[in-house]
């Protein structure tokens, strides 16, 4: 039995003075910021005699973690503590001078999911930029990469496709912790950065091997199993196929009213993709795409998570959907900045164009090899934890 992993917050609380330059802190957090005993990081800091919270900052979905994706969130005063709760997902996505007033340490404690387009990495980036201008240290309380810290997959984001769903030239599945990512990102920012390392975590661990309880970091990542498929099926956000939002299995169930689930499942299972099987299903989203409409589709069942390749699997799903329903399948139109959401998620427009032209998936995936090799070499300089023998 592996020993339980102790997240960075547990380590910080043992001796805050080792990491904090003064008691006055701002907290960037949400419900996923908890101790190993499931106590809110904010609550334990409020009760700590040597720490004085000044303000709270919430990322996408809010500090309370209850807002759906892409909904702007306003700032407010917390009635229980009287602390200002500043939104970093509304008109302002970067801490302002006024927000940082009186803060002498900015502490970041949010669970990441290991995918480039999960927006908490962008919030972390903007926080690093803001504190670098004020000489305020940023302290990242590290947490596990829930889908392990070894596997990497997907293309490197290209110049011209940077956005809030992907700011950096890293692959879709990066295999790093949020603390390690902070070190890599900060190389080009130069903020005073401290990472409070976990104890007991090794790179080969999946979340259910950490001994910790899962607290969903956002409304549509309810389980570690969701996080496992998310680096692939999140790409369906950019097409007219539901990614399962509004169901109890977001990102695991994918479909549309015009899809024949049995036909799709049979076609996908014939490909014999590694580590995954597909089951025909029906679902009716309560919100998001096709709200209140019955959708046919498939549910992904991961049969071997160590060999499962979520991004490659999603490309096969997209390719077969285009082939089977060419008159119904559509790429969603460009958004407000004239770039397609799919391209921003993919970090390129080449994948969309290749899929539209019927390019073989193996050829698309093979193009990633050189970039992934370079990234793995680059990230070596920022890794904080051993491989654990895997």
Protein backbone atom coordinates (compact mmCIF):
# COMPACT_ATOMS: atom_id res chain seq x y z
CA UNK A 1 0.00 0.00 0.00
CA UNK A 2 1.47 3.33 -1.04
CA UNK A 3 1.73 5.98 1.67
CA UNK A 4 -0.72 8.85 1.37
CA UNK A 5 0.51 11.87 -0.52
CA UNK A 6 0.66 15.10 1.46
CA UNK A 7 -0.25 18.12 -0.70
CA UNK A 8 1.71 21.36 -0.55
CA UNK A 9 -0.76 23.01 1.83
CA UNK A 10 -0.02 20.39 4.50
CA UNK A 11 3.69 21.15 4.20
CA UNK A 12 3.15 24.92 4.31
CA UNK A 13 1.12 24.70 7.51
CA UNK A 14 3.96 22.95 9.33
CA UNK A 15 6.07 26.12 9.18
CA UNK A 16 4.55 29.04 7.23
CA UNK A 17 7.54 31.26 7.97
CA UNK A 18 9.71 29.02 5.80
CA UNK A 19 7.73 30.09 2.73
CA UNK A 20 5.96 33.36 3.54
CA UNK A 21 7.78 36.68 3.77
CA UNK A 22 5.09 38.03 6.12
CA UNK A 23 1.71 36.92 7.51
CA UNK A 24 -0.31 38.94 4.94
CA UNK A 25 -1.49 36.67 2.12
CA UNK A 26 -3.84 36.70 -0.83
CA UNK A 27 -5.31 33.32 -1.71
CA UNK A 28 -5.97 32.12 -5.26
CA UNK A 29 -8.09 29.06 -4.67
CA UNK A 30 -11.37 27.20 -5.09
CA UNK A 31 -12.98 24.14 -3.44
CA UNK A 32 -10.21 21.85 -4.72
CA UNK A 33 -7.79 23.63 -2.38
CA UNK A 34 -8.02 21.30 0.61
CA UNK A 35 -5.68 19.68 3.12
CA UNK A 36 -5.19 15.92 3.21
CA UNK A 37 -7.97 15.88 5.82
CA UNK A 38 -10.36 17.65 3.43
CA UNK A 39 -10.27 20.94 5.30
CA UNK A 40 -10.47 24.01 3.07
CA UNK A 41 -7.10 25.67 2.58
CA UNK A 42 -8.79 29.03 3.07
CA UNK A 43 -10.40 27.91 6.34
CA UNK A 44 -7.18 26.56 7.84
CA UNK A 45 -5.33 29.71 6.86
CA UNK A 46 -8.07 31.85 8.40
CA UNK A 47 -7.64 29.92 11.64
CA UNK A 48 -3.84 29.91 11.58
CA UNK A 49 -2.30 32.30 14.16
CA UNK A 50 0.68 33.11 11.95
CA UNK A 51 -1.17 33.85 8.70
CA UNK A 52 -3.39 36.85 7.95
CA UNK A 53 -5.57 36.53 4.83
CA UNK A 54 -6.11 39.84 3.05
CA UNK A 55 -8.11 38.80 -0.02
CA UNK A 56 -9.32 35.80 -2.01
CA UNK A 57 -9.05 35.37 -5.80
CA UNK A 58 -11.26 33.01 -7.77
CA UNK A 59 -10.44 31.49 -11.21
CA UNK A 60 -12.93 30.34 -13.86
CA UNK A 61 -15.96 28.79 -12.13
CA UNK A 62 -15.40 31.12 -9.16
CA UNK A 63 -13.83 30.82 -5.74
CA UNK A 64 -16.85 28.73 -4.74
CA UNK A 65 -16.45 26.52 -7.83
CA UNK A 66 -20.14 26.56 -8.66
CA UNK A 67 -20.32 28.47 -11.95
CA UNK A 68 -20.48 26.71 -15.31
CA UNK A 69 -17.79 27.20 -17.94
CA UNK A 70 -17.37 30.51 -19.78
CA UNK A 71 -19.73 32.41 -17.47
CA UNK A 72 -18.29 35.77 -16.33
CA UNK A 73 -18.07 36.17 -12.57
CA UNK A 74 -18.09 39.38 -10.55
CA UNK A 75 -16.17 40.28 -7.41
CA UNK A 76 -17.85 40.47 -3.99
CA UNK A 77 -17.34 40.60 -0.23
CA UNK A 78 -17.52 37.28 1.58
CA UNK A 79 -20.24 37.71 4.24
CA UNK A 80 -18.68 35.18 6.58
CA UNK A 81 -15.17 36.61 6.70
CA UNK A 82 -15.56 40.13 5.35
CA UNK A 83 -12.72 39.44 2.91
CA UNK A 84 -12.90 40.74 -0.66
CA UNK A 85 -13.31 37.92 -3.16
CA UNK A 86 -11.89 39.07 -6.49
CA UNK A 87 -12.90 37.36 -9.70
CA UNK A 88 -10.16 36.54 -12.18
CA UNK A 89 -12.72 35.36 -14.72
CA UNK A 90 -14.82 38.30 -15.81
CA UNK A 91 -13.92 41.70 -17.13
CA UNK A 92 -10.58 41.28 -15.34
CA UNK A 93 -8.48 38.12 -15.56
CA UNK A 94 -5.29 39.46 -14.05
CA UNK A 95 -4.87 40.79 -10.48
CA UNK A 96 -4.91 44.58 -10.59
CA UNK A 97 -2.86 47.00 -8.50
CA UNK A 98 -5.90 47.67 -6.32
CA UNK A 99 -6.56 43.96 -5.79
CA UNK A 100 -2.99 43.40 -4.64
CA UNK A 101 -3.08 46.30 -2.15
CA UNK A 102 -1.85 45.10 1.26
CA UNK A 103 -0.89 41.64 0.00
CA UNK A 104 2.68 40.58 0.72
CA UNK A 105 2.42 36.95 -0.46
CA UNK A 106 0.11 35.52 -3.14
CA UNK A 107 -0.64 31.84 -2.47
CA UNK A 108 -1.99 29.63 -5.28
CA UNK A 109 -3.75 26.38 -4.32
CA UNK A 110 -5.90 24.80 -7.04
CA UNK A 111 -6.03 21.25 -8.39
CA UNK A 112 -5.04 21.04 -12.06
CA UNK A 113 -6.09 18.18 -14.37
CA UNK A 114 -3.01 17.80 -16.57
CA UNK A 115 -4.37 19.29 -19.81
CA UNK A 116 -3.06 22.42 -21.58
CA UNK A 117 -6.50 23.94 -22.15
CA UNK A 118 -7.61 23.78 -18.50
CA UNK A 119 -7.71 27.49 -17.72
CA UNK A 120 -6.21 27.49 -14.24
CA UNK A 121 -2.77 27.46 -15.85
CA UNK A 122 -3.62 30.74 -17.60
CA UNK A 123 -4.78 32.25 -14.32
CA UNK A 124 -1.50 31.14 -12.76
CA UNK A 125 0.39 32.83 -15.61
CA UNK A 126 -1.42 36.13 -15.16
CA UNK A 127 -0.81 35.99 -11.41
CA UNK A 128 2.91 35.49 -12.01
CA UNK A 129 2.96 38.48 -14.33
CA UNK A 130 1.10 40.66 -11.85
CA UNK A 131 3.23 39.86 -8.80
CA UNK A 132 6.44 40.24 -10.79
CA UNK A 133 5.56 43.92 -11.29
CA UNK A 134 5.06 44.44 -7.56
CA UNK A 135 7.88 42.37 -6.12
CA UNK A 136 5.39 40.10 -4.36
CA UNK A 137 6.34 36.43 -4.10
CA UNK A 138 3.93 33.82 -5.46
CA UNK A 139 3.77 30.57 -3.53
CA UNK A 140 2.31 27.53 -5.33
CA UNK A 141 1.03 24.79 -3.05
CA UNK A 142 1.67 21.80 -5.27
CA UNK A 143 -0.83 19.03 -6.02
CA UNK A 144 -0.72 15.78 -8.02
CA UNK A 145 -1.16 15.60 -11.74
CA UNK A 146 -4.22 13.32 -11.53
CA UNK A 147 -3.48 11.52 -14.83
CA UNK A 148 0.16 10.85 -13.84
CA UNK A 149 3.33 12.81 -14.43
CA UNK A 150 4.93 10.61 -17.06
CA UNK A 151 2.70 10.44 -20.13
CA UNK A 152 2.71 13.34 -22.60
CA UNK A 153 0.57 13.52 -25.72
CA UNK A 154 -0.60 15.90 -28.40
CA UNK A 155 0.86 18.67 -30.49
CA UNK A 156 2.76 21.69 -29.25
CA UNK A 157 0.69 24.89 -29.32
CA UNK A 158 1.76 27.05 -32.27
CA UNK A 159 2.36 30.81 -32.31
CA UNK A 160 -0.82 32.63 -33.24
CA UNK A 161 -3.08 30.22 -31.35
CA UNK A 162 -2.34 31.33 -27.81
CA UNK A 163 -5.48 32.15 -25.81
CA UNK A 164 -6.95 31.71 -22.35
CA UNK A 165 -7.44 28.01 -23.18
CA UNK A 166 -3.75 27.65 -23.98
CA UNK A 167 -1.05 30.27 -23.53
CA UNK A 168 2.14 28.24 -23.78
CA UNK A 169 3.94 26.04 -26.33
CA UNK A 170 3.36 22.79 -24.47
CA UNK A 171 1.50 19.62 -25.52
CA UNK A 172 -2.16 19.01 -24.71
CA UNK A 173 -1.23 16.42 -22.07
CA UNK A 174 1.89 17.78 -20.41
CA UNK A 175 2.62 15.34 -17.57
CA UNK A 176 3.59 18.05 -15.06
CA UNK A 177 2.25 19.23 -11.72
CA UNK A 178 0.92 22.76 -11.33
CA UNK A 179 4.08 23.64 -9.39
CA UNK A 180 6.34 22.30 -12.11
CA UNK A 181 4.36 24.19 -14.73
CA UNK A 182 4.76 27.35 -12.67
CA UNK A 183 8.54 26.93 -12.73
CA UNK A 184 8.52 26.44 -16.50
CA UNK A 185 6.18 29.37 -17.17
CA UNK A 186 8.06 31.68 -14.82
CA UNK A 187 11.27 31.21 -16.81
CA UNK A 188 9.99 33.92 -19.15
CA UNK A 189 8.44 36.09 -16.43
CA UNK A 190 10.97 36.21 -13.63
CA UNK A 191 8.63 36.54 -10.65
CA UNK A 192 9.74 35.54 -7.19
CA UNK A 193 8.30 32.03 -7.15
CA UNK A 194 8.28 29.36 -4.47
CA UNK A 195 6.80 25.90 -4.94
CA UNK A 196 5.82 24.05 -1.78
CA UNK A 197 6.45 20.46 -2.82
CA UNK A 198 4.19 17.55 -1.99
CA UNK A 199 5.48 14.69 0.09
CA UNK A 200 5.08 11.11 -1.09
CA UNK A 201 4.11 11.74 -4.72
CA UNK A 202 5.95 10.11 -7.62
CA UNK A 203 5.46 10.65 -11.32
CA UNK A 204 3.79 7.36 -12.15
CA UNK A 205 0.92 7.85 -9.71
CA UNK A 206 -2.65 8.26 -10.83
CA UNK A 207 -4.88 10.19 -8.46
CA UNK A 208 -6.51 7.12 -6.94
CA UNK A 209 -3.05 5.95 -5.86
CA UNK A 210 -2.35 9.07 -3.78
CA UNK A 211 -4.52 8.16 -0.80
CA UNK A 212 -6.33 11.48 -1.20
CA UNK A 213 -10.02 12.16 -1.80
CA UNK A 214 -10.99 13.78 -5.08
CA UNK A 215 -12.61 17.21 -4.83
CA UNK A 216 -13.83 18.28 -8.25
CA UNK A 217 -11.80 21.28 -9.42
CA UNK A 218 -14.59 22.46 -11.71
CA UNK A 219 -18.25 21.52 -12.19
CA UNK A 220 -17.66 19.24 -15.18
CA UNK A 221 -14.68 17.29 -13.84
CA UNK A 222 -16.59 15.32 -11.19
CA UNK A 223 -14.20 12.33 -10.97
CA UNK A 224 -10.62 11.33 -11.76
CA UNK A 225 -12.06 9.17 -14.54
CA UNK A 226 -13.39 12.34 -16.17
CA UNK A 227 -9.91 13.86 -15.98
CA UNK A 228 -8.53 10.77 -17.73
CA UNK A 229 -10.57 11.32 -20.90
CA UNK A 230 -10.71 15.12 -20.75
CA UNK A 231 -7.46 15.83 -22.69
CA UNK A 232 -9.14 14.24 -25.70
CA UNK A 233 -12.88 14.74 -25.55
CA UNK A 234 -12.60 18.41 -24.55
CA UNK A 235 -11.86 18.95 -28.26
CA UNK A 236 -15.57 18.30 -28.90
CA UNK A 237 -16.24 21.72 -27.39
CA UNK A 238 -15.22 23.07 -30.80
CA UNK A 239 -17.74 21.12 -32.90
CA UNK A 240 -21.52 20.65 -33.04
CA UNK A 241 -21.34 17.45 -31.00
CA UNK A 242 -22.11 17.52 -27.29
CA UNK A 243 -19.15 16.76 -25.03
CA UNK A 244 -21.61 15.59 -22.39
CA UNK A 245 -22.04 18.83 -20.46
CA UNK A 246 -25.42 18.81 -18.77
CA UNK A 247 -25.15 15.08 -18.02
CA UNK A 248 -23.74 13.12 -15.10
CA UNK A 249 -20.89 11.90 -17.33
CA UNK A 250 -19.39 15.02 -18.94
CA UNK A 251 -16.57 14.29 -21.39
CA UNK A 252 -17.22 10.54 -21.06
CA UNK A 253 -20.50 10.62 -23.03
CA UNK A 254 -20.29 12.32 -26.43
CA UNK A 255 -23.05 12.63 -29.01
CA UNK A 256 -25.70 14.60 -30.92
CA UNK A 257 -29.35 14.18 -31.96
CA UNK A 258 -28.26 13.12 -35.46
CA UNK A 259 -25.79 10.45 -34.33
CA UNK A 260 -26.60 6.74 -34.38
CA UNK A 261 -24.77 5.56 -31.26
CA UNK A 262 -24.65 1.88 -32.24
CA UNK A 263 -23.16 2.67 -35.64
CA UNK A 264 -20.55 4.98 -34.11
CA UNK A 265 -19.64 2.56 -31.33
CA UNK A 266 -19.26 -0.33 -33.77
CA UNK A 267 -17.08 1.76 -36.10
CA UNK A 268 -14.85 2.91 -33.26
CA UNK A 269 -14.53 -0.53 -31.67
CA UNK A 270 -13.46 -1.96 -35.03
CA UNK A 271 -10.40 0.33 -34.84
CA UNK A 272 -9.21 -1.58 -31.73
CA UNK A 273 -7.80 1.55 -30.10
CA UNK A 274 -5.57 0.86 -27.13
CA UNK A 275 -7.00 1.06 -23.63
CA UNK A 276 -10.56 2.05 -24.50
CA UNK A 277 -13.90 0.54 -25.51
CA UNK A 278 -16.99 2.34 -26.74
CA UNK A 279 -20.59 1.68 -25.74
CA UNK A 280 -23.59 3.13 -27.54
CA UNK A 281 -25.61 5.42 -25.29
CA UNK A 282 -28.35 8.03 -25.26
CA UNK A 283 -28.46 11.15 -23.12
CA UNK A 284 -30.45 14.37 -22.79
CA UNK A 285 -28.37 17.37 -21.63
CA UNK A 286 -29.99 19.59 -19.03
CA UNK A 287 -27.91 22.56 -20.27
CA UNK A 288 -25.28 23.46 -22.87
CA UNK A 289 -25.44 21.99 -26.40
CA UNK A 290 -28.71 20.27 -27.30
CA UNK A 291 -30.36 21.18 -24.03
CA UNK A 292 -33.45 18.98 -23.50
CA UNK A 293 -32.81 17.14 -26.79
CA UNK A 294 -32.14 13.42 -26.86
CA UNK A 295 -28.68 12.67 -28.20
CA UNK A 296 -27.32 9.42 -29.56
CA UNK A 297 -23.65 8.82 -28.98
CA UNK A 298 -21.01 6.76 -27.23
CA UNK A 299 -19.57 6.48 -23.78
CA UNK A 300 -15.83 5.96 -23.49
CA UNK A 301 -14.87 3.15 -21.12
CA UNK A 302 -11.16 3.23 -20.32
CA UNK A 303 -10.02 -0.37 -20.02
CA UNK A 304 -6.29 0.27 -19.56
CA UNK A 305 -5.44 3.80 -18.53
CA UNK A 306 -1.69 3.26 -18.96
CA UNK A 307 -2.04 2.52 -22.69
CA UNK A 308 -5.05 4.79 -23.34
CA UNK A 309 -4.23 7.79 -25.49
CA UNK A 310 -7.01 10.35 -24.98
CA UNK A 311 -5.95 12.85 -27.66
CA UNK A 312 -5.40 10.24 -30.35
CA UNK A 313 -8.68 8.59 -29.38
CA UNK A 314 -10.57 11.87 -29.75
CA UNK A 315 -9.11 12.39 -33.22
CA UNK A 316 -10.42 8.98 -34.25
CA UNK A 317 -13.81 9.90 -32.82
CA UNK A 318 -13.85 13.15 -34.78
CA UNK A 319 -12.65 11.48 -37.97
CA UNK A 320 -15.29 8.75 -37.85
CA UNK A 321 -18.06 11.25 -37.04
CA UNK A 322 -17.06 13.30 -40.09
CA UNK A 323 -17.00 10.17 -42.25
CA UNK A 324 -20.33 8.79 -41.01
CA UNK A 325 -22.32 12.06 -40.88
CA UNK A 326 -20.67 14.46 -43.36
CA UNK A 327 -23.87 16.46 -43.88
CA UNK A 328 -24.48 17.00 -40.16
CA UNK A 329 -21.03 17.41 -38.61
CA UNK A 330 -19.81 21.01 -38.34
CA UNK A 331 -16.88 22.90 -36.88
CA UNK A 332 -18.25 25.70 -34.74
CA UNK A 333 -17.79 29.13 -36.36
CA UNK A 334 -15.08 31.56 -35.26
CA UNK A 335 -15.62 33.24 -31.92
CA UNK A 336 -15.43 36.93 -31.06
CA UNK A 337 -11.73 37.20 -31.99
CA UNK A 338 -12.25 35.47 -35.35
CA UNK A 339 -10.48 32.28 -34.31
CA UNK A 340 -12.30 28.96 -34.11
CA UNK A 341 -12.60 27.51 -30.63
CA UNK A 342 -11.47 24.12 -31.91
CA UNK A 343 -8.25 25.65 -33.22
CA UNK A 344 -7.59 27.37 -29.90
CA UNK A 345 -8.10 24.08 -28.05
CA UNK A 346 -5.92 22.24 -30.55
CA UNK A 347 -3.31 25.01 -30.57
CA UNK A 348 -3.28 24.96 -34.37
CA UNK A 349 -5.64 25.00 -37.35
CA UNK A 350 -3.76 22.17 -39.03
CA UNK A 351 -5.52 19.38 -37.11
CA UNK A 352 -8.94 20.69 -38.14
CA UNK A 353 -7.86 21.03 -41.75
CA UNK A 354 -6.27 17.57 -41.77
CA UNK A 355 -9.39 15.97 -40.31
CA UNK A 356 -11.55 17.77 -42.87
CA UNK A 357 -9.34 16.42 -45.68
CA UNK A 358 -9.45 12.87 -44.33
CA UNK A 359 -5.76 12.66 -43.40
CA UNK A 360 -4.97 9.37 -41.68
CA UNK A 361 -4.84 9.82 -37.89
CA UNK A 362 -1.51 8.03 -37.64
CA UNK A 363 0.02 10.63 -39.93
CA UNK A 364 -1.36 13.46 -37.76
CA UNK A 365 -0.03 11.84 -34.59
CA UNK A 366 3.37 11.06 -36.11
CA UNK A 367 3.89 14.78 -36.74
CA UNK A 368 3.89 15.35 -32.99
CA UNK A 369 6.92 13.15 -32.33
CA UNK A 370 9.66 15.73 -32.71
CA UNK A 371 7.84 18.39 -30.71
CA UNK A 372 7.08 15.97 -27.88
CA UNK A 373 10.69 14.84 -27.76
CA UNK A 374 11.85 18.45 -27.50
CA UNK A 375 9.27 19.20 -24.80
CA UNK A 376 10.25 16.18 -22.72
CA UNK A 377 13.85 17.35 -22.86
CA UNK A 378 12.80 20.89 -21.90
CA UNK A 379 10.62 19.86 -18.97
CA UNK A 380 13.41 17.79 -17.40
CA UNK A 381 14.83 20.99 -15.97
CA UNK A 382 11.62 21.73 -14.04
CA UNK A 383 10.56 18.33 -12.68
CA UNK A 384 10.48 18.10 -8.89
CA UNK A 385 9.55 14.47 -8.25
CA UNK A 386 10.98 10.99 -8.97
CA UNK A 387 9.46 8.57 -11.45
CA UNK A 388 8.58 6.04 -8.74
CA UNK A 389 9.95 3.12 -10.69
CA UNK A 390 7.47 3.29 -13.58
